[in-house]
Every structure is written in C-alpha cells, then in structure tokens.
PDB file of N, CA and C in Angstrom:
ATOM      1  N   MET A   1      54.160 108.356-132.563  1.00  0.00           N
ATOM      2  CA  MET A   1      53.061 109.267-133.043  1.00  0.00           C
ATOM      3  C   MET A   1      53.685 109.150-134.680  1.00  0.00           C
ATOM      4  N   ALA A   2      52.735 108.731-135.355  1.00  0.00           N
ATOM      5  CA  ALA A   2      53.106 108.393-136.795  1.00  0.00           C
ATOM      6  C   ALA A   2      52.809 110.064-137.586  1.00  0.00           C
ATOM      7  N   THR A   3      53.666 110.047-138.452  1.00  0.00           N
ATOM      8  CA  THR A   3      53.684 111.384-139.352  1.00  0.00           C
ATOM      9  C   THR A   3      53.531 111.166-140.768  1.00  0.00           C
ATOM     10  N   LEU A   4      52.960 111.944-141.364  1.00  0.00           N
ATOM     11  CA  LEU A   4      52.796 111.906-142.848  1.00  0.00           C
ATOM     12  C   LEU A   4      53.132 113.031-143.650  1.00  0.00           C
ATOM     13  N   GLU A   5      54.181 112.671-144.658  1.00  0.00           N
ATOM     14  CA  GLU A   5      54.541 114.013-145.539  1.00  0.00           C
ATOM     15  C   GLU A   5      53.255 114.744-146.001  1.00  0.00           C
ATOM     16  N   PHE A   6      53.309 116.176-146.165  1.00  0.00           N
ATOM     17  CA  PHE A   6      52.097 116.759-146.586  1.00  0.00           C
ATOM     18  C   PHE A   6      51.719 116.307-148.165  1.00  0.00           C
ATOM     19  N   ALA A   7      52.655 116.039-148.830  1.00  0.00           N
ATOM     20  CA  ALA A   7      52.271 115.397-150.300  1.00  0.00           C
ATOM     21  C   ALA A   7      51.464 114.415-150.063  1.00  0.00           C
ATOM     22  N   ASP A   8      51.843 113.338-149.321  1.00  0.00           N
ATOM     23  CA  ASP A   8      51.172 112.053-149.018  1.00  0.00           C
ATOM     24  C   ASP A   8      49.921 112.263-148.697  1.00  0.00           C
ATOM     25  N   TYR A   9      49.670 113.186-147.426  1.00  0.00           N
ATOM     26  CA  TYR A   9      48.412 113.531-147.032  1.00  0.00           C
ATOM     27  C   TYR A   9      47.343 114.286-147.878  1.00  0.00           C
ATOM     28  N   ARG A  10      47.982 115.215-148.733  1.00  0.00           N
ATOM     29  CA  ARG A  10      47.188 115.776-149.715  1.00  0.00           C
ATOM     30  C   ARG A  10      46.650 114.636-150.833  1.00  0.00           C
ATOM     31  N   ARG A  11      47.539 113.735-151.216  1.00  0.00           N
ATOM     32  CA  ARG A  11      47.256 112.876-152.081  1.00  0.00           C
ATOM     33  C   ARG A  11      46.106 111.855-151.587  1.00  0.00           C
ATOM     34  N   GLU A  12      46.147 111.318-150.301  1.00  0.00           N
ATOM     35  CA  GLU A  12      45.273 110.674-149.790  1.00  0.00           C
ATOM     36  C   GLU A  12      43.999 111.331-149.575  1.00  0.00           C
ATOM     37  N   LEU A  13      43.922 112.651-149.144  1.00  0.00           N
ATOM     38  CA  LEU A  13      42.856 113.466-148.871  1.00  0.00           C
ATOM     39  C   LEU A  13      42.158 113.459-150.293  1.00  0.00           C
ATOM     40  N   LEU A  14      42.848 113.865-151.305  1.00  0.00           N
ATOM     41  CA  LEU A  14      42.058 114.006-152.625  1.00  0.00           C
ATOM     42  C   LEU A  14      41.543 112.765-153.141  1.00  0.00           C
ATOM     43  N   ALA A  15      42.239 111.768-152.866  1.00  0.00           N
ATOM     44  CA  ALA A  15      41.835 110.370-153.368  1.00  0.00           C
ATOM     45  C   ALA A  15      40.545 110.297-152.625  1.00  0.00           C
ATOM     46  N   GLU A  16      40.606 110.264-151.391  1.00  0.00           N
ATOM     47  CA  GLU A  16      39.146 110.159-150.521  1.00  0.00           C
ATOM     48  C   GLU A  16      37.893 110.947-151.189  1.00  0.00           C
ATOM     49  N   LEU A  17      38.311 112.464-151.501  1.00  0.00           N
ATOM     50  CA  LEU A  17      37.422 113.472-152.008  1.00  0.00           C
ATOM     51  C   LEU A  17      36.804 112.982-153.395  1.00  0.00           C
ATOM     52  N   ALA A  18      37.450 112.325-154.124  1.00  0.00           N
ATOM     53  CA  ALA A  18      37.360 111.809-155.621  1.00  0.00           C
ATOM     54  C   ALA A  18      36.391 110.768-155.575  1.00  0.00           C
ATOM     55  N   ALA A  19      36.627 109.805-154.182  1.00  0.00           N
ATOM     56  CA  ALA A  19      35.947 108.613-154.235  1.00  0.00           C
ATOM     57  C   ALA A  19      34.499 109.155-153.596  1.00  0.00           C
ATOM     58  N   LEU A  20      34.424 109.931-153.067  1.00  0.00           N
ATOM     59  CA  LEU A  20      33.065 110.373-152.385  1.00  0.00           C
ATOM     60  C   LEU A  20      32.244 111.458-153.270  1.00  0.00           C
ATOM     61  N   SER A  21      32.843 112.202-154.179  1.00  0.00           N
ATOM     62  CA  SER A  21      32.338 113.008-154.907  1.00  0.00           C
ATOM     63  C   SER A  21      33.275 113.297-156.312  1.00  0.00           C
ATOM     64  N   PRO A  22      33.186 112.290-157.255  1.00  0.00           N
ATOM     65  CA  PRO A  22      33.962 112.555-158.290  1.00  0.00           C
ATOM     66  C   PRO A  22      33.803 113.898-159.195  1.00  0.00           C
ATOM     67  N   GLU A  23      32.771 114.122-158.966  1.00  0.00           N
ATOM     68  CA  GLU A  23      32.241 115.491-159.806  1.00  0.00           C
ATOM     69  C   GLU A  23      32.868 116.919-159.226  1.00  0.00           C
ATOM     70  N   THR A  24      33.256 116.778-158.186  1.00  0.00           N
ATOM     71  CA  THR A  24      33.743 117.942-157.403  1.00  0.00           C
ATOM     72  C   THR A  24      35.017 118.613-157.950  1.00  0.00           C
ATOM     73  N   ASP A  25      34.943 119.620-158.340  1.00  0.00           N
ATOM     74  CA  ASP A  25      35.962 120.444-159.185  1.00  0.00           C
ATOM     75  C   ASP A  25      37.123 120.879-157.770  1.00  0.00           C
ATOM     76  N   VAL A  26      38.285 120.664-157.787  1.00  0.00           N
ATOM     77  CA  VAL A  26      38.865 120.738-156.743  1.00  0.00           C
ATOM     78  C   VAL A  26      40.255 121.853-156.878  1.00  0.00           C
ATOM     79  N   ARG A  27      39.830 122.628-158.431  1.00  0.00           N
ATOM     80  CA  ARG A  27      40.483 123.718-158.550  1.00  0.00           C
ATOM     81  C   ARG A  27      40.354 124.923-157.886  1.00  0.00           C
ATOM     82  N   VAL A  28      41.476 125.768-157.323  1.00  0.00           N
ATOM     83  CA  VAL A  28      41.040 126.649-156.526  1.00  0.00           C
ATOM     84  C   VAL A  28      41.887 127.868-157.109  1.00  0.00           C
ATOM     85  N   ASP A  29      41.522 128.977-156.760  1.00  0.00           N
ATOM     86  CA  ASP A  29      42.303 130.289-157.398  1.00  0.00           C
ATOM     87  C   ASP A  29      43.472 130.543-156.491  1.00  0.00           C
ATOM     88  N   ARG A  30      44.827 130.514-156.682  1.00  0.00           N
ATOM     89  CA  ARG A  30      45.817 130.536-156.217  1.00  0.00           C
ATOM     90  C   ARG A  30      46.177 131.837-155.471  1.00  0.00           C
ATOM     91  N   ALA A  31      45.757 132.896-156.085  1.00  0.00           N
ATOM     92  CA  ALA A  31      46.173 133.888-155.294  1.00  0.00           C
ATOM     93  C   ALA A  31      44.831 134.235-154.086  1.00  0.00           C
ATOM     94  N   GLU A  32      43.748 133.785-154.540  1.00  0.00           N
ATOM     95  CA  GLU A  32      42.751 133.955-153.393  1.00  0.00           C
ATOM     96  C   GLU A  32      43.098 133.081-152.195  1.00  0.00           C
ATOM     97  N   ALA A  33      43.705 131.884-152.460  1.00  0.00           N
ATOM     98  CA  ALA A  33      44.236 130.909-151.498  1.00  0.00           C
ATOM     99  C   ALA A  33      45.465 131.641-150.652  1.00  0.00           C
ATOM    100  N   ARG A  34      46.175 132.465-151.325  1.00  0.00           N
ATOM    101  CA  ARG A  34      47.359 132.933-150.769  1.00  0.00           C
ATOM    102  C   ARG A  34      47.186 134.165-150.071  1.00  0.00           C
ATOM    103  N   ARG A  35      45.954 135.005-150.604  1.00  0.00           N
ATOM    104  CA  ARG A  35      45.233 136.082-149.491  1.00  0.00           C
ATOM    105  C   ARG A  35      44.950 135.447-148.256  1.00  0.00           C
ATOM    106  N   ASN A  36      44.067 134.311-148.234  1.00  0.00           N
ATOM    107  CA  ASN A  36      43.609 133.862-147.277  1.00  0.00           C
ATOM    108  C   ASN A  36      44.365 133.106-146.281  1.00  0.00           C
ATOM    109  N   TYR A  37      45.607 132.621-146.802  1.00  0.00           N
ATOM    110  CA  TYR A  37      46.502 131.579-145.832  1.00  0.00           C
ATOM    111  C   TYR A  37      47.956 132.268-146.246  1.00  0.00           C
ATOM    112  N   ARG A  38      48.300 133.622-146.007  1.00  0.00           N
ATOM    113  CA  ARG A  38      49.576 134.020-146.541  1.00  0.00           C
ATOM    114  C   ARG A  38      50.557 133.443-145.703  1.00  0.00           C
ATOM    115  N   TRP A  39      50.863 132.806-144.516  1.00  0.00           N
ATOM    116  CA  TRP A  39      51.848 132.293-143.759  1.00  0.00           C
ATOM    117  C   TRP A  39      51.793 130.825-144.268  1.00  0.00           C
ATOM    118  N   ASP A  40      51.177 130.311-144.939  1.00  0.00           N
ATOM    119  CA  ASP A  40      51.343 128.885-145.485  1.00  0.00           C
ATOM    120  C   ASP A  40      52.245 128.826-146.677  1.00  0.00           C
ATOM    121  N   SER A  41      52.487 127.690-146.972  1.00  0.00           N
ATOM    122  CA  SER A  41      53.302 127.436-148.356  1.00  0.00           C
ATOM    123  C   SER A  41      52.276 127.538-149.426  1.00  0.00           C
ATOM    124  N   VAL A  42      52.329 127.567-150.774  1.00  0.00           N
ATOM    125  CA  VAL A  42      51.187 127.691-151.671  1.00  0.00           C
ATOM    126  C   VAL A  42      50.616 126.458-151.609  1.00  0.00           C
ATOM    127  N   GLU A  43      50.954 125.126-151.618  1.00  0.00           N
ATOM    128  CA  GLU A  43      50.376 123.867-151.626  1.00  0.00           C
ATOM    129  C   GLU A  43      49.415 123.706-150.429  1.00  0.00           C
ATOM    130  N   VAL A  44      49.852 124.116-149.277  1.00  0.00           N
ATOM    131  CA  VAL A  44      49.004 124.246-148.068  1.00  0.00           C
ATOM    132  C   VAL A  44      47.843 125.194-148.010  1.00  0.00           C
ATOM    133  N   ALA A  45      48.148 126.309-148.548  1.00  0.00           N
ATOM    134  CA  ALA A  45      47.315 127.459-148.642  1.00  0.00           C
ATOM    135  C   ALA A  45      45.971 126.832-149.629  1.00  0.00           C
ATOM    136  N   GLU A  46      46.296 126.301-150.689  1.00  0.00           N
ATOM    137  CA  GLU A  46      45.505 125.765-151.547  1.00  0.00           C
ATOM    138  C   GLU A  46      44.639 124.713-150.995  1.00  0.00           C
ATOM    139  N   LEU A  47      45.238 123.791-150.578  1.00  0.00           N
ATOM    140  CA  LEU A  47      44.442 122.707-149.567  1.00  0.00           C
ATOM    141  C   LEU A  47      43.453 123.241-148.742  1.00  0.00           C
ATOM    142  N   LYS A  48      43.960 124.181-147.836  1.00  0.00           N
ATOM    143  CA  LYS A  48      43.092 124.549-146.948  1.00  0.00           C
ATOM    144  C   LYS A  48      41.955 125.483-147.665  1.00  0.00           C
ATOM    145  N   PHE A  49      42.110 126.219-148.546  1.00  0.00           N
ATOM    146  CA  PHE A  49      41.291 127.083-149.123  1.00  0.00           C
ATOM    147  C   PHE A  49      40.162 126.098-149.730  1.00  0.00           C
ATOM    148  N   LEU A  50      40.405 125.193-150.436  1.00  0.00           N
ATOM    149  CA  LEU A  50      39.711 123.785-150.962  1.00  0.00           C
ATOM    150  C   LEU A  50      38.634 123.522-149.902  1.00  0.00           C
ATOM    151  N   LEU A  51      39.370 122.948-148.830  1.00  0.00           N
ATOM    152  CA  LEU A  51      38.575 122.412-147.865  1.00  0.00           C
ATOM    153  C   LEU A  51      37.643 123.312-146.985  1.00  0.00           C
ATOM    154  N   ASN A  52      38.220 124.495-146.907  1.00  0.00           N
ATOM    155  CA  ASN A  52      37.421 125.459-146.095  1.00  0.00           C
ATOM    156  C   ASN A  52      36.396 126.526-146.467  1.00  0.00           C
ATOM    157  N   PHE A  53      36.471 126.640-147.928  1.00  0.00           N
ATOM    158  CA  PHE A  53      35.760 127.602-148.686  1.00  0.00           C
ATOM    159  C   PHE A  53      34.932 126.996-149.960  1.00  0.00           C
ATOM    160  N   ARG A  54      35.621 125.924-150.452  1.00  0.00           N
ATOM    161  CA  ARG A  54      35.067 125.490-151.511  1.00  0.00           C
ATOM    162  C   ARG A  54      34.143 124.155-151.697  1.00  0.00           C
ATOM    163  N   LEU A  55      34.378 123.378-150.619  1.00  0.00           N
ATOM    164  CA  LEU A  55      33.583 122.209-150.170  1.00  0.00           C
ATOM    165  C   LEU A  55      32.322 122.430-149.543  1.00  0.00           C
ATOM    166  N   PRO A  56      31.034 121.867-149.990  1.00  0.00           N
ATOM    167  CA  PRO A  56      30.053 122.040-149.243  1.00  0.00           C
ATOM    168  C   PRO A  56      30.257 121.338-147.768  1.00  0.00           C
ATOM    169  N   VAL A  57      29.429 121.767-146.801  1.00  0.00           N
ATOM    170  CA  VAL A  57      29.672 121.282-145.294  1.00  0.00           C
ATOM    171  C   VAL A  57      29.377 119.794-145.474  1.00  0.00           C
ATOM    172  N   ALA A  58      28.432 119.697-145.719  1.00  0.00           N
ATOM    173  CA  ALA A  58      28.089 118.133-145.609  1.00  0.00           C
ATOM    174  C   ALA A  58      29.063 117.266-146.306  1.00  0.00           C
ATOM    175  N   LEU A  59      29.645 117.705-147.684  1.00  0.00           N
ATOM    176  CA  LEU A  59      30.629 116.895-148.370  1.00  0.00           C
ATOM    177  C   LEU A  59      32.165 116.882-147.423  1.00  0.00           C
ATOM    178  N   ARG A  60      32.392 117.907-146.579  1.00  0.00           N
ATOM    179  CA  ARG A  60      33.569 118.316-146.010  1.00  0.00           C
ATOM    180  C   ARG A  60      33.171 117.494-144.744  1.00  0.00           C
ATOM    181  N   ALA A  61      31.977 117.168-144.160  1.00  0.00           N
ATOM    182  CA  ALA A  61      31.924 116.226-143.041  1.00  0.00           C
ATOM    183  C   ALA A  61      32.262 114.917-143.525  1.00  0.00           C
ATOM    184  N   ARG A  62      31.508 114.327-144.675  1.00  0.00           N
ATOM    185  CA  ARG A  62      31.794 112.959-144.962  1.00  0.00           C
ATOM    186  C   ARG A  62      33.224 112.868-145.325  1.00  0.00           C
ATOM    187  N   LEU A  63      34.027 114.030-145.968  1.00  0.00           N
ATOM    188  CA  LEU A  63      35.192 113.641-146.175  1.00  0.00           C
ATOM    189  C   LEU A  63      36.207 113.638-144.841  1.00  0.00           C
ATOM    190  N   TRP A  64      35.749 114.306-143.783  1.00  0.00           N
ATOM    191  CA  TRP A  64      36.481 114.019-142.454  1.00  0.00           C
ATOM    192  C   TRP A  64      36.276 112.878-141.638  1.00  0.00           C
ATOM    193  N   ILE A  65      35.165 112.208-141.889  1.00  0.00           N
ATOM    194  CA  ILE A  65      34.668 110.846-141.358  1.00  0.00           C
ATOM    195  C   ILE A  65      35.551 109.791-142.252  1.00  0.00           C
ATOM    196  N   GLY A  66      35.737 109.956-143.467  1.00  0.00           N
ATOM    197  CA  GLY A  66      36.372 108.934-144.196  1.00  0.00           C
ATOM    198  C   GLY A  66      37.807 109.035-143.948  1.00  0.00           C
ATOM    199  N   CYS A  67      38.220 109.952-143.503  1.00  0.00           N
ATOM    200  CA  CYS A  67      39.888 110.266-143.508  1.00  0.00           C
ATOM    201  C   CYS A  67      40.411 110.238-142.111  1.00  0.00           C
ATOM    202  N   PHE A  68      39.481 110.615-141.242  1.00  0.00           N
ATOM    203  CA  PHE A  68      40.036 110.693-139.744  1.00  0.00           C
ATOM    204  C   PHE A  68      38.813 110.178-138.802  1.00  0.00           C
ATOM    205  N   PRO A  69      38.836 108.881-138.517  1.00  0.00           N
ATOM    206  CA  PRO A  69      37.679 108.188-137.688  1.00  0.00           C
ATOM    207  C   PRO A  69      37.767 108.695-136.499  1.00  0.00           C
ATOM    208  N   GLY A  70      36.637 108.909-135.836  1.00  0.00           N
ATOM    209  CA  GLY A  70      36.564 109.549-134.520  1.00  0.00           C
ATOM    210  C   GLY A  70      35.650 110.712-134.591  1.00  0.00           C
ATOM    211  N   PRO A  71      35.678 111.425-133.442  1.00  0.00           N
ATOM    212  CA  PRO A  71      34.774 112.821-133.450  1.00  0.00           C
ATOM    213  C   PRO A  71      35.073 113.939-134.445  1.00  0.00           C
ATOM    214  N   SER A  72      34.298 114.594-135.102  1.00  0.00           N
ATOM    215  CA  SER A  72      34.634 115.580-136.126  1.00  0.00           C
ATOM    216  C   SER A  72      34.988 116.613-135.043  1.00  0.00           C
ATOM    217  N   PRO A  73      35.879 117.534-135.784  1.00  0.00           N
ATOM    218  CA  PRO A  73      36.166 118.690-135.071  1.00  0.00           C
ATOM    219  C   PRO A  73      35.029 119.800-134.800  1.00  0.00           C
ATOM    220  N   THR A  74      34.234 119.629-135.601  1.00  0.00           N
ATOM    221  CA  THR A  74      32.676 120.571-135.384  1.00  0.00           C
ATOM    222  C   THR A  74      31.793 119.679-134.251  1.00  0.00           C
ATOM    223  N   SER A  75      32.019 118.792-133.894  1.00  0.00           N
ATOM    224  CA  SER A  75      31.044 118.166-133.197  1.00  0.00           C
ATOM    225  C   SER A  75      31.554 118.514-131.645  1.00  0.00           C
ATOM    226  N   ARG A  76      30.315 118.807-130.923  1.00  0.00           N
ATOM    227  CA  ARG A  76      30.633 119.098-129.419  1.00  0.00           C
ATOM    228  C   ARG A  76      29.913 118.092-128.457  1.00  0.00           C
ATOM    229  N   PRO A  77      30.809 117.581-127.635  1.00  0.00           N
ATOM    230  CA  PRO A  77      30.134 116.824-126.582  1.00  0.00           C
ATOM    231  C   PRO A  77      28.876 117.517-125.962  1.00  0.00           C
ATOM    232  N   SER A  78      27.926 116.750-125.562  1.00  0.00           N
ATOM    233  CA  SER A  78      26.834 116.868-125.036  1.00  0.00           C
ATOM    234  C   SER A  78      27.013 117.373-123.623  1.00  0.00           C
ATOM    235  N   LEU A  79      26.539 118.575-123.292  1.00  0.00           N
ATOM    236  CA  LEU A  79      26.695 119.103-122.016  1.00  0.00           C
ATOM    237  C   LEU A  79      25.673 118.607-120.926  1.00  0.00           C
ATOM    238  N   PRO A  80      26.110 118.672-119.884  1.00  0.00           N
ATOM    239  CA  PRO A  80      25.134 117.980-118.711  1.00  0.00           C
ATOM    240  C   PRO A  80      23.820 119.096-118.540  1.00  0.00           C
ATOM    241  N   SER A  81      22.633 118.588-118.174  1.00  0.00           N
ATOM    242  CA  SER A  81      21.629 119.651-118.163  1.00  0.00           C
ATOM    243  C   SER A  81      22.038 120.378-116.842  1.00  0.00           C
ATOM    244  N   CYS A  82      21.490 121.929-116.916  1.00  0.00           N
ATOM    245  CA  CYS A  82      21.537 122.695-115.835  1.00  0.00           C
ATOM    246  C   CYS A  82      20.301 122.605-114.736  1.00  0.00           C
ATOM    247  N   THR A  83      19.147 121.895-115.538  1.00  0.00           N
ATOM    248  CA  THR A  83      18.047 121.861-114.629  1.00  0.00           C
ATOM    249  C   THR A  83      17.783 120.821-113.667  1.00  0.00           C
TER     250      THR A  83
END
C-alpha cells in the first residue's frame, strides 16, 4: 500500500482545489479549527476544518472525485427493493 506524507497530501489537495476553484479562500481560523479537532496537529486540524466546514458541498464533492477516483464516501450503494 502506498503512503503519502501529510505535507505532500496537503499540497496536492490544495493544488487540486486551486485548479477547481481558484477564487476559494483556503484560510481558516486556527483557534476554531483547534476547537473542532483538538486531538489532531494544528496542520491536520486546519485542513480538516477547511474541508468539512468551509467548502461548499458541491466543491467538496468535485475535489473528492479529482483526488480520489472511485466512489465518494457520501455515496451509498443502492439497496435492493423490499417489495
């Protein structure tokens, strides 16, 4: 299984975000990010906060598809009909 250092992951993710939506402000309030993700490092907390609270859902979905081919974590397989 391949691994990617967090700094590389963050750089690639932000590059993809800039390509998709160059006008998007990626700044986050550090204190607010830390309050929401107190167990993570500051860098991880800030990225998580950006992705989960600052980006519109549609942009987040486009970013996911661009960075991670395959099903989105929010997509659900269709269930068989019970009728």
